[in-house]
Amino acid sequence: MTKKRGESTLKGRDARTGAFIPVKEARAHPSTALVERVAKPGHGAESSSPRGRDAKTGEFIPVKEAERRPATTVVEQVPHPRKG
């Protein structure tokens, strides 16, 4: 029996810039980076919604505000919490 491959993967993100970085580097610098689970391409679009995120603090913000400040924010798809 073959093992089912997951529909998401771990990605490192620089908390200051919001740019993706290697997971190993993110784990080495926990005060300035974070490791998050990101859906693989083609997965999660139906079970997620757009959310704005401030690239400096990592906090969620309204999408309209994120679209107004593209230099310091990012709009990303965030999965809905699973029920079960």
N, C-alpha and C. Protein backbone atom coordinates (compact mmCIF):
# COMPACT_ATOMS: atom_id res chain seq x y z
N MET A 1 0.84 -1.18 0.00
CA MET A 1 0.00 0.00 0.00
C MET A 1 0.89 1.25 0.00
N THR A 2 0.59 2.18 -0.87
CA THR A 2 1.40 3.39 -0.96
C THR A 2 0.91 4.43 0.03
N LYS A 3 1.84 5.20 0.51
CA LYS A 3 1.52 6.25 1.49
C LYS A 3 0.95 7.46 0.76
N LYS A 4 -0.17 7.99 1.26
CA LYS A 4 -0.79 9.17 0.66
C LYS A 4 0.07 10.40 0.96
N ARG A 5 0.34 11.17 -0.05
CA ARG A 5 1.12 12.39 0.13
C ARG A 5 0.21 13.50 0.65
N GLY A 6 0.73 14.31 1.54
CA GLY A 6 -0.04 15.39 2.14
C GLY A 6 -0.40 16.47 1.14
N GLU A 7 -1.40 17.26 1.50
CA GLU A 7 -1.84 18.34 0.63
C GLU A 7 -1.26 19.69 1.04
N SER A 8 -0.33 19.65 2.00
CA SER A 8 0.33 20.88 2.41
C SER A 8 1.79 20.58 2.73
N THR A 9 2.55 21.64 2.85
CA THR A 9 3.98 21.51 3.11
C THR A 9 4.42 22.62 4.08
N LEU A 10 5.52 22.41 4.74
CA LEU A 10 6.05 23.43 5.64
C LEU A 10 6.88 24.44 4.85
N LYS A 11 6.71 25.71 5.18
CA LYS A 11 7.48 26.79 4.55
C LYS A 11 7.96 27.72 5.65
N GLY A 12 9.16 28.23 5.50
CA GLY A 12 9.67 29.25 6.40
C GLY A 12 9.32 30.63 5.87
N ARG A 13 9.08 31.57 6.77
CA ARG A 13 8.76 32.93 6.33
C ARG A 13 9.50 33.92 7.21
N ASP A 14 10.16 34.87 6.58
CA ASP A 14 10.85 35.95 7.30
C ASP A 14 9.78 36.90 7.84
N ALA A 15 9.76 37.12 9.15
CA ALA A 15 8.74 37.96 9.77
C ALA A 15 8.88 39.43 9.40
N ARG A 16 10.08 39.86 9.04
CA ARG A 16 10.28 41.27 8.69
C ARG A 16 9.79 41.59 7.28
N THR A 17 10.08 40.72 6.32
CA THR A 17 9.75 40.99 4.92
C THR A 17 8.56 40.21 4.41
N GLY A 18 8.22 39.10 5.07
CA GLY A 18 7.13 38.25 4.60
C GLY A 18 7.55 37.29 3.49
N ALA A 19 8.83 37.31 3.13
CA ALA A 19 9.33 36.46 2.05
C ALA A 19 9.54 35.02 2.55
N PHE A 20 9.34 34.06 1.65
CA PHE A 20 9.60 32.67 2.00
C PHE A 20 11.11 32.44 2.11
N ILE A 21 11.49 31.64 3.11
CA ILE A 21 12.89 31.25 3.30
C ILE A 21 12.91 29.76 3.61
N PRO A 22 14.07 29.11 3.55
CA PRO A 22 14.12 27.68 3.87
C PRO A 22 13.69 27.42 5.32
N VAL A 23 13.01 26.30 5.55
CA VAL A 23 12.52 25.94 6.88
C VAL A 23 13.67 25.85 7.88
N LYS A 24 14.78 25.28 7.45
CA LYS A 24 15.94 25.14 8.33
C LYS A 24 16.41 26.51 8.83
N GLU A 25 16.43 27.49 7.94
CA GLU A 25 16.85 28.84 8.32
C GLU A 25 15.83 29.49 9.26
N ALA A 26 14.54 29.27 9.01
CA ALA A 26 13.50 29.83 9.87
C ALA A 26 13.58 29.25 11.27
N ARG A 27 13.85 27.96 11.39
CA ARG A 27 13.96 27.34 12.71
C ARG A 27 15.21 27.79 13.44
N ALA A 28 16.24 28.19 12.70
CA ALA A 28 17.47 28.67 13.33
C ALA A 28 17.31 30.08 13.88
N HIS A 29 16.33 30.83 13.40
CA HIS A 29 16.11 32.22 13.82
C HIS A 29 14.66 32.41 14.27
N PRO A 30 14.24 31.81 15.39
CA PRO A 30 12.83 31.88 15.79
C PRO A 30 12.33 33.28 16.16
N SER A 31 13.22 34.19 16.48
CA SER A 31 12.77 35.54 16.85
C SER A 31 12.46 36.40 15.63
N THR A 32 12.96 36.05 14.46
CA THR A 32 12.73 36.86 13.26
C THR A 32 12.09 36.09 12.13
N ALA A 33 11.71 34.84 12.37
CA ALA A 33 11.11 34.03 11.31
C ALA A 33 10.12 33.05 11.92
N LEU A 34 9.25 32.50 11.07
CA LEU A 34 8.31 31.50 11.53
C LEU A 34 8.17 30.40 10.49
N VAL A 35 7.72 29.24 10.96
CA VAL A 35 7.47 28.10 10.08
C VAL A 35 5.97 27.90 10.03
N GLU A 36 5.41 27.85 8.83
CA GLU A 36 3.97 27.69 8.69
C GLU A 36 3.65 26.62 7.66
N ARG A 37 2.48 26.04 7.76
CA ARG A 37 2.03 25.01 6.83
C ARG A 37 1.27 25.70 5.71
N VAL A 38 1.67 25.45 4.46
CA VAL A 38 1.10 26.09 3.29
C VAL A 38 0.54 25.01 2.36
N ALA A 39 -0.66 25.23 1.82
CA ALA A 39 -1.26 24.27 0.90
C ALA A 39 -0.43 24.17 -0.37
N LYS A 40 -0.31 22.94 -0.87
CA LYS A 40 0.39 22.73 -2.14
C LYS A 40 -0.48 23.29 -3.26
N PRO A 41 0.13 23.62 -4.42
CA PRO A 41 -0.66 24.15 -5.53
C PRO A 41 -1.79 23.19 -5.92
N GLY A 42 -2.99 23.76 -6.10
CA GLY A 42 -4.14 22.95 -6.48
C GLY A 42 -4.93 22.41 -5.31
N HIS A 43 -4.50 22.69 -4.08
CA HIS A 43 -5.21 22.22 -2.90
C HIS A 43 -5.59 23.41 -2.03
N GLY A 44 -6.70 23.29 -1.34
CA GLY A 44 -7.06 24.28 -0.35
C GLY A 44 -7.81 25.51 -0.84
N ALA A 45 -7.97 25.68 -2.14
CA ALA A 45 -8.63 26.89 -2.63
C ALA A 45 -10.09 26.96 -2.18
N GLU A 46 -10.78 25.81 -2.13
CA GLU A 46 -12.18 25.81 -1.74
C GLU A 46 -12.33 25.94 -0.23
N SER A 47 -11.34 25.50 0.50
CA SER A 47 -11.46 25.49 1.95
C SER A 47 -10.68 26.63 2.61
N SER A 48 -10.45 27.69 1.87
CA SER A 48 -9.70 28.81 2.42
C SER A 48 -10.32 30.12 1.98
N SER A 49 -9.91 31.19 2.64
CA SER A 49 -10.41 32.51 2.29
C SER A 49 -9.25 33.50 2.33
N PRO A 50 -9.36 34.60 1.58
CA PRO A 50 -8.27 35.57 1.59
C PRO A 50 -8.20 36.32 2.91
N ARG A 51 -7.00 36.53 3.39
CA ARG A 51 -6.77 37.29 4.61
C ARG A 51 -5.58 38.21 4.37
N GLY A 52 -5.65 39.39 4.92
CA GLY A 52 -4.52 40.31 4.86
C GLY A 52 -3.59 40.04 6.02
N ARG A 53 -2.29 40.21 5.78
CA ARG A 53 -1.31 40.02 6.85
C ARG A 53 -0.28 41.13 6.76
N ASP A 54 0.02 41.75 7.90
CA ASP A 54 1.04 42.77 7.98
C ASP A 54 2.40 42.07 7.93
N ALA A 55 3.26 42.45 7.01
CA ALA A 55 4.56 41.78 6.84
C ALA A 55 5.53 42.09 7.98
N LYS A 56 5.34 43.19 8.66
CA LYS A 56 6.24 43.55 9.76
C LYS A 56 5.92 42.79 11.04
N THR A 57 4.63 42.71 11.38
CA THR A 57 4.23 42.09 12.64
C THR A 57 3.71 40.67 12.49
N GLY A 58 3.26 40.32 11.29
CA GLY A 58 2.67 39.00 11.06
C GLY A 58 1.22 38.91 11.48
N GLU A 59 0.64 40.01 11.94
CA GLU A 59 -0.75 40.00 12.39
C GLU A 59 -1.71 40.07 11.22
N PHE A 60 -2.89 39.44 11.39
CA PHE A 60 -3.92 39.53 10.37
C PHE A 60 -4.55 40.91 10.41
N ILE A 61 -4.85 41.44 9.22
CA ILE A 61 -5.49 42.75 9.07
C ILE A 61 -6.58 42.62 8.02
N PRO A 62 -7.51 43.58 7.92
CA PRO A 62 -8.54 43.49 6.88
C PRO A 62 -7.92 43.48 5.47
N VAL A 63 -8.55 42.74 4.56
CA VAL A 63 -8.04 42.60 3.19
C VAL A 63 -7.98 43.97 2.50
N LYS A 64 -8.98 44.80 2.72
CA LYS A 64 -8.99 46.13 2.08
C LYS A 64 -7.78 46.95 2.50
N GLU A 65 -7.43 46.88 3.77
CA GLU A 65 -6.26 47.61 4.25
C GLU A 65 -4.98 47.04 3.65
N ALA A 66 -4.91 45.71 3.52
CA ALA A 66 -3.73 45.08 2.92
C ALA A 66 -3.58 45.47 1.46
N GLU A 67 -4.69 45.57 0.74
CA GLU A 67 -4.63 45.98 -0.67
C GLU A 67 -4.22 47.44 -0.79
N ARG A 68 -4.55 48.24 0.22
CA ARG A 68 -4.19 49.67 0.20
C ARG A 68 -2.71 49.88 0.49
N ARG A 69 -2.07 48.94 1.23
CA ARG A 69 -0.66 49.07 1.59
C ARG A 69 0.15 47.89 1.04
N PRO A 70 0.30 47.76 -0.28
CA PRO A 70 0.97 46.59 -0.85
C PRO A 70 2.46 46.49 -0.52
N ALA A 71 3.10 47.58 -0.15
CA ALA A 71 4.54 47.53 0.14
C ALA A 71 4.84 46.85 1.48
N THR A 72 3.90 46.91 2.42
CA THR A 72 4.17 46.36 3.75
C THR A 72 3.20 45.26 4.16
N THR A 73 2.34 44.80 3.22
CA THR A 73 1.37 43.76 3.55
C THR A 73 1.31 42.73 2.44
N VAL A 74 0.64 41.61 2.75
CA VAL A 74 0.42 40.57 1.76
C VAL A 74 -0.99 40.02 1.96
N VAL A 75 -1.66 39.69 0.85
CA VAL A 75 -2.97 39.03 0.91
C VAL A 75 -2.71 37.57 0.57
N GLU A 76 -3.10 36.67 1.49
CA GLU A 76 -2.85 35.25 1.29
C GLU A 76 -4.09 34.44 1.60
N GLN A 77 -4.14 33.22 1.09
CA GLN A 77 -5.25 32.31 1.35
C GLN A 77 -4.98 31.58 2.65
N VAL A 78 -5.89 31.68 3.60
CA VAL A 78 -5.75 31.03 4.91
C VAL A 78 -6.85 29.98 5.03
N PRO A 79 -6.48 28.73 5.36
CA PRO A 79 -7.48 27.68 5.46
C PRO A 79 -8.45 27.91 6.61
N HIS A 80 -9.70 27.48 6.40
CA HIS A 80 -10.70 27.52 7.46
C HIS A 80 -10.36 26.45 8.49
N PRO A 81 -10.70 26.66 9.75
CA PRO A 81 -10.41 25.62 10.76
C PRO A 81 -11.20 24.35 10.44
N ARG A 82 -10.56 23.22 10.66
CA ARG A 82 -11.23 21.94 10.40
C ARG A 82 -12.18 21.62 11.53
N LYS A 83 -13.28 21.03 11.16
CA LYS A 83 -14.27 20.60 12.16
C LYS A 83 -14.16 19.09 12.30
N GLY A 84 -14.19 18.63 13.50
CA GLY A 84 -14.12 17.19 13.61
C GLY A 84 -13.73 16.77 14.91
